[in-house]
Amino acid sequence: MILSAFDQFWELIWGAIALKPEAFQQIITLNDGVLLALLIVLLAGLSRAIGQGIVLFLNRVKPLNLTQNY
């Protein structure tokens, strides 16, 4: 049976967090492994942007201040 990266999602995630080389090798060799890695990177970026947006909102930073600095 051919397993895809989505079938072993949590196992691969915890292996990558623990920096186990076997997890990274499995991600490379499994079907849809690269797609899974790209999806995780996109979700991490989105999560970070949402978190920063919440902090900026709580600190009452005005959007105009953000555009004037660049």
N, C-alpha and C. Protein backbone atom coordinates (compact mmCIF):
# COMPACT_ATOMS: atom_id res chain seq x y z
N MET A 1 0.84 -1.18 0.00
CA MET A 1 0.00 0.00 0.00
C MET A 1 0.89 1.25 0.00
N ILE A 2 0.57 2.19 -0.84
CA ILE A 2 1.32 3.44 -0.93
C ILE A 2 0.67 4.46 -0.02
N LEU A 3 1.44 4.96 0.93
CA LEU A 3 0.93 5.97 1.86
C LEU A 3 1.32 7.35 1.35
N SER A 4 0.43 8.28 1.55
CA SER A 4 0.77 9.66 1.21
C SER A 4 1.18 10.38 2.48
N ALA A 5 1.74 11.56 2.31
CA ALA A 5 2.17 12.36 3.46
C ALA A 5 0.98 12.76 4.32
N PHE A 6 -0.18 12.91 3.72
CA PHE A 6 -1.37 13.31 4.47
C PHE A 6 -1.87 12.19 5.38
N ASP A 7 -1.58 10.93 5.01
CA ASP A 7 -1.97 9.80 5.86
C ASP A 7 -1.15 9.74 7.14
N GLN A 8 0.08 10.25 7.09
CA GLN A 8 0.98 10.22 8.25
C GLN A 8 1.24 11.62 8.78
N PHE A 9 0.29 12.51 8.64
CA PHE A 9 0.49 13.92 8.92
C PHE A 9 1.09 14.18 10.30
N TRP A 10 0.42 13.73 11.36
CA TRP A 10 0.86 14.05 12.72
C TRP A 10 2.18 13.37 13.05
N GLU A 11 2.37 12.17 12.56
CA GLU A 11 3.64 11.48 12.80
C GLU A 11 4.80 12.26 12.19
N LEU A 12 4.61 12.78 10.99
CA LEU A 12 5.65 13.55 10.33
C LEU A 12 5.85 14.91 11.00
N ILE A 13 4.77 15.53 11.45
CA ILE A 13 4.89 16.82 12.12
C ILE A 13 5.69 16.67 13.40
N TRP A 14 5.35 15.70 14.24
CA TRP A 14 6.07 15.52 15.50
C TRP A 14 7.51 15.09 15.26
N GLY A 15 7.74 14.31 14.21
CA GLY A 15 9.11 13.94 13.87
C GLY A 15 9.93 15.14 13.45
N ALA A 16 9.32 16.06 12.70
CA ALA A 16 10.03 17.27 12.27
C ALA A 16 10.28 18.20 13.45
N ILE A 17 9.32 18.30 14.37
CA ILE A 17 9.51 19.14 15.55
C ILE A 17 10.65 18.59 16.41
N ALA A 18 10.75 17.26 16.48
CA ALA A 18 11.80 16.62 17.26
C ALA A 18 13.13 16.56 16.49
N LEU A 19 13.13 17.09 15.28
CA LEU A 19 14.32 17.11 14.41
C LEU A 19 14.87 15.72 14.13
N LYS A 20 13.95 14.77 13.91
CA LYS A 20 14.36 13.42 13.56
C LYS A 20 14.63 13.35 12.06
N PRO A 21 15.82 12.95 11.66
CA PRO A 21 16.15 12.90 10.23
C PRO A 21 15.23 11.96 9.44
N GLU A 22 14.73 10.91 10.09
CA GLU A 22 13.84 9.96 9.40
C GLU A 22 12.56 10.65 8.92
N ALA A 23 12.06 11.58 9.72
CA ALA A 23 10.83 12.30 9.34
C ALA A 23 11.06 13.12 8.08
N PHE A 24 12.21 13.78 8.01
CA PHE A 24 12.51 14.59 6.83
C PHE A 24 12.71 13.72 5.59
N GLN A 25 13.33 12.56 5.77
CA GLN A 25 13.50 11.63 4.65
C GLN A 25 12.14 11.11 4.16
N GLN A 26 11.25 10.83 5.09
CA GLN A 26 9.92 10.35 4.71
C GLN A 26 9.15 11.42 3.96
N ILE A 27 9.26 12.66 4.39
CA ILE A 27 8.56 13.75 3.72
C ILE A 27 9.04 13.87 2.28
N ILE A 28 10.33 13.71 2.07
CA ILE A 28 10.89 13.81 0.72
C ILE A 28 10.44 12.65 -0.16
N THR A 29 10.38 11.44 0.41
CA THR A 29 10.11 10.26 -0.42
C THR A 29 8.63 9.93 -0.58
N LEU A 30 7.78 10.40 0.32
CA LEU A 30 6.35 10.07 0.23
C LEU A 30 5.65 10.86 -0.87
N ASN A 31 4.55 10.29 -1.34
CA ASN A 31 3.70 11.01 -2.28
C ASN A 31 3.13 12.23 -1.59
N ASP A 32 3.09 13.33 -2.25
CA ASP A 32 2.55 14.60 -1.74
C ASP A 32 3.36 15.16 -0.57
N GLY A 33 4.58 14.71 -0.37
CA GLY A 33 5.40 15.21 0.72
C GLY A 33 5.78 16.67 0.56
N VAL A 34 6.14 17.04 -0.65
CA VAL A 34 6.52 18.43 -0.90
C VAL A 34 5.30 19.34 -0.77
N LEU A 35 4.15 18.86 -1.22
CA LEU A 35 2.91 19.63 -1.09
C LEU A 35 2.57 19.84 0.38
N LEU A 36 2.75 18.81 1.19
CA LEU A 36 2.50 18.92 2.63
C LEU A 36 3.45 19.93 3.26
N ALA A 37 4.71 19.89 2.90
CA ALA A 37 5.69 20.84 3.45
C ALA A 37 5.33 22.27 3.07
N LEU A 38 4.93 22.48 1.84
CA LEU A 38 4.54 23.81 1.39
C LEU A 38 3.30 24.30 2.12
N LEU A 39 2.35 23.42 2.33
CA LEU A 39 1.13 23.77 3.06
C LEU A 39 1.45 24.18 4.50
N ILE A 40 2.37 23.47 5.13
CA ILE A 40 2.74 23.80 6.51
C ILE A 40 3.42 25.16 6.57
N VAL A 41 4.28 25.45 5.61
CA VAL A 41 4.96 26.75 5.58
C VAL A 41 3.94 27.88 5.39
N LEU A 42 2.98 27.68 4.50
CA LEU A 42 1.96 28.70 4.28
C LEU A 42 1.08 28.91 5.51
N LEU A 43 0.70 27.83 6.17
CA LEU A 43 -0.10 27.95 7.39
C LEU A 43 0.68 28.62 8.51
N ALA A 44 1.97 28.33 8.61
CA ALA A 44 2.80 28.98 9.64
C ALA A 44 2.89 30.48 9.38
N GLY A 45 3.06 30.88 8.13
CA GLY A 45 3.11 32.30 7.80
C GLY A 45 1.80 33.00 8.08
N LEU A 46 0.70 32.34 7.75
CA LEU A 46 -0.62 32.91 8.02
C LEU A 46 -0.85 33.05 9.52
N SER A 47 -0.46 32.04 10.28
CA SER A 47 -0.61 32.08 11.72
C SER A 47 0.19 33.22 12.33
N ARG A 48 1.40 33.40 11.84
CA ARG A 48 2.24 34.49 12.36
C ARG A 48 1.63 35.85 12.03
N ALA A 49 1.13 36.01 10.82
CA ALA A 49 0.54 37.29 10.42
C ALA A 49 -0.70 37.60 11.25
N ILE A 50 -1.52 36.60 11.51
CA ILE A 50 -2.71 36.82 12.33
C ILE A 50 -2.30 37.19 13.76
N GLY A 51 -1.31 36.50 14.30
CA GLY A 51 -0.84 36.81 15.64
C GLY A 51 -0.28 38.22 15.76
N GLN A 52 0.49 38.64 14.77
CA GLN A 52 1.02 40.00 14.79
C GLN A 52 -0.08 41.03 14.63
N GLY A 53 -1.08 40.71 13.83
CA GLY A 53 -2.21 41.62 13.66
C GLY A 53 -2.97 41.82 14.96
N ILE A 54 -3.13 40.73 15.71
CA ILE A 54 -3.81 40.83 17.00
C ILE A 54 -3.01 41.69 17.97
N VAL A 55 -1.70 41.50 18.00
CA VAL A 55 -0.85 42.30 18.90
C VAL A 55 -0.90 43.77 18.52
N LEU A 56 -0.85 44.06 17.23
CA LEU A 56 -0.93 45.45 16.79
C LEU A 56 -2.28 46.07 17.15
N PHE A 57 -3.35 45.28 17.02
CA PHE A 57 -4.68 45.77 17.38
C PHE A 57 -4.77 46.05 18.88
N LEU A 58 -4.25 45.14 19.69
CA LEU A 58 -4.29 45.33 21.14
C LEU A 58 -3.44 46.52 21.58
N ASN A 59 -2.37 46.80 20.86
CA ASN A 59 -1.53 47.96 21.16
C ASN A 59 -2.06 49.24 20.53
N ARG A 60 -3.18 49.14 19.86
CA ARG A 60 -3.87 50.26 19.23
C ARG A 60 -2.98 51.03 18.24
N VAL A 61 -2.25 50.25 17.44
CA VAL A 61 -1.43 50.86 16.39
C VAL A 61 -2.34 51.18 15.22
N LYS A 62 -2.31 52.40 14.77
CA LYS A 62 -3.17 52.81 13.66
C LYS A 62 -2.57 52.34 12.34
N PRO A 63 -3.40 51.87 11.41
CA PRO A 63 -2.89 51.40 10.11
C PRO A 63 -2.09 52.46 9.36
N LEU A 64 -2.43 53.72 9.54
CA LEU A 64 -1.70 54.78 8.87
C LEU A 64 -0.24 54.83 9.33
N ASN A 65 0.01 54.53 10.60
CA ASN A 65 1.38 54.50 11.12
C ASN A 65 2.21 53.41 10.44
N LEU A 66 1.59 52.32 10.10
CA LEU A 66 2.31 51.21 9.47
C LEU A 66 2.73 51.57 8.05
N THR A 67 1.91 52.31 7.33
CA THR A 67 2.24 52.64 5.95
C THR A 67 3.23 53.78 5.85
N GLN A 68 3.31 54.63 6.84
CA GLN A 68 4.22 55.79 6.77
C GLN A 68 5.67 55.38 7.00
N ASN A 69 5.90 54.25 7.63
CA ASN A 69 7.27 53.83 7.93
C ASN A 69 7.98 53.25 6.71
N TYR A 70 7.26 52.93 5.67
CA TYR A 70 7.90 52.28 4.51
C TYR A 70 7.89 53.16 3.31
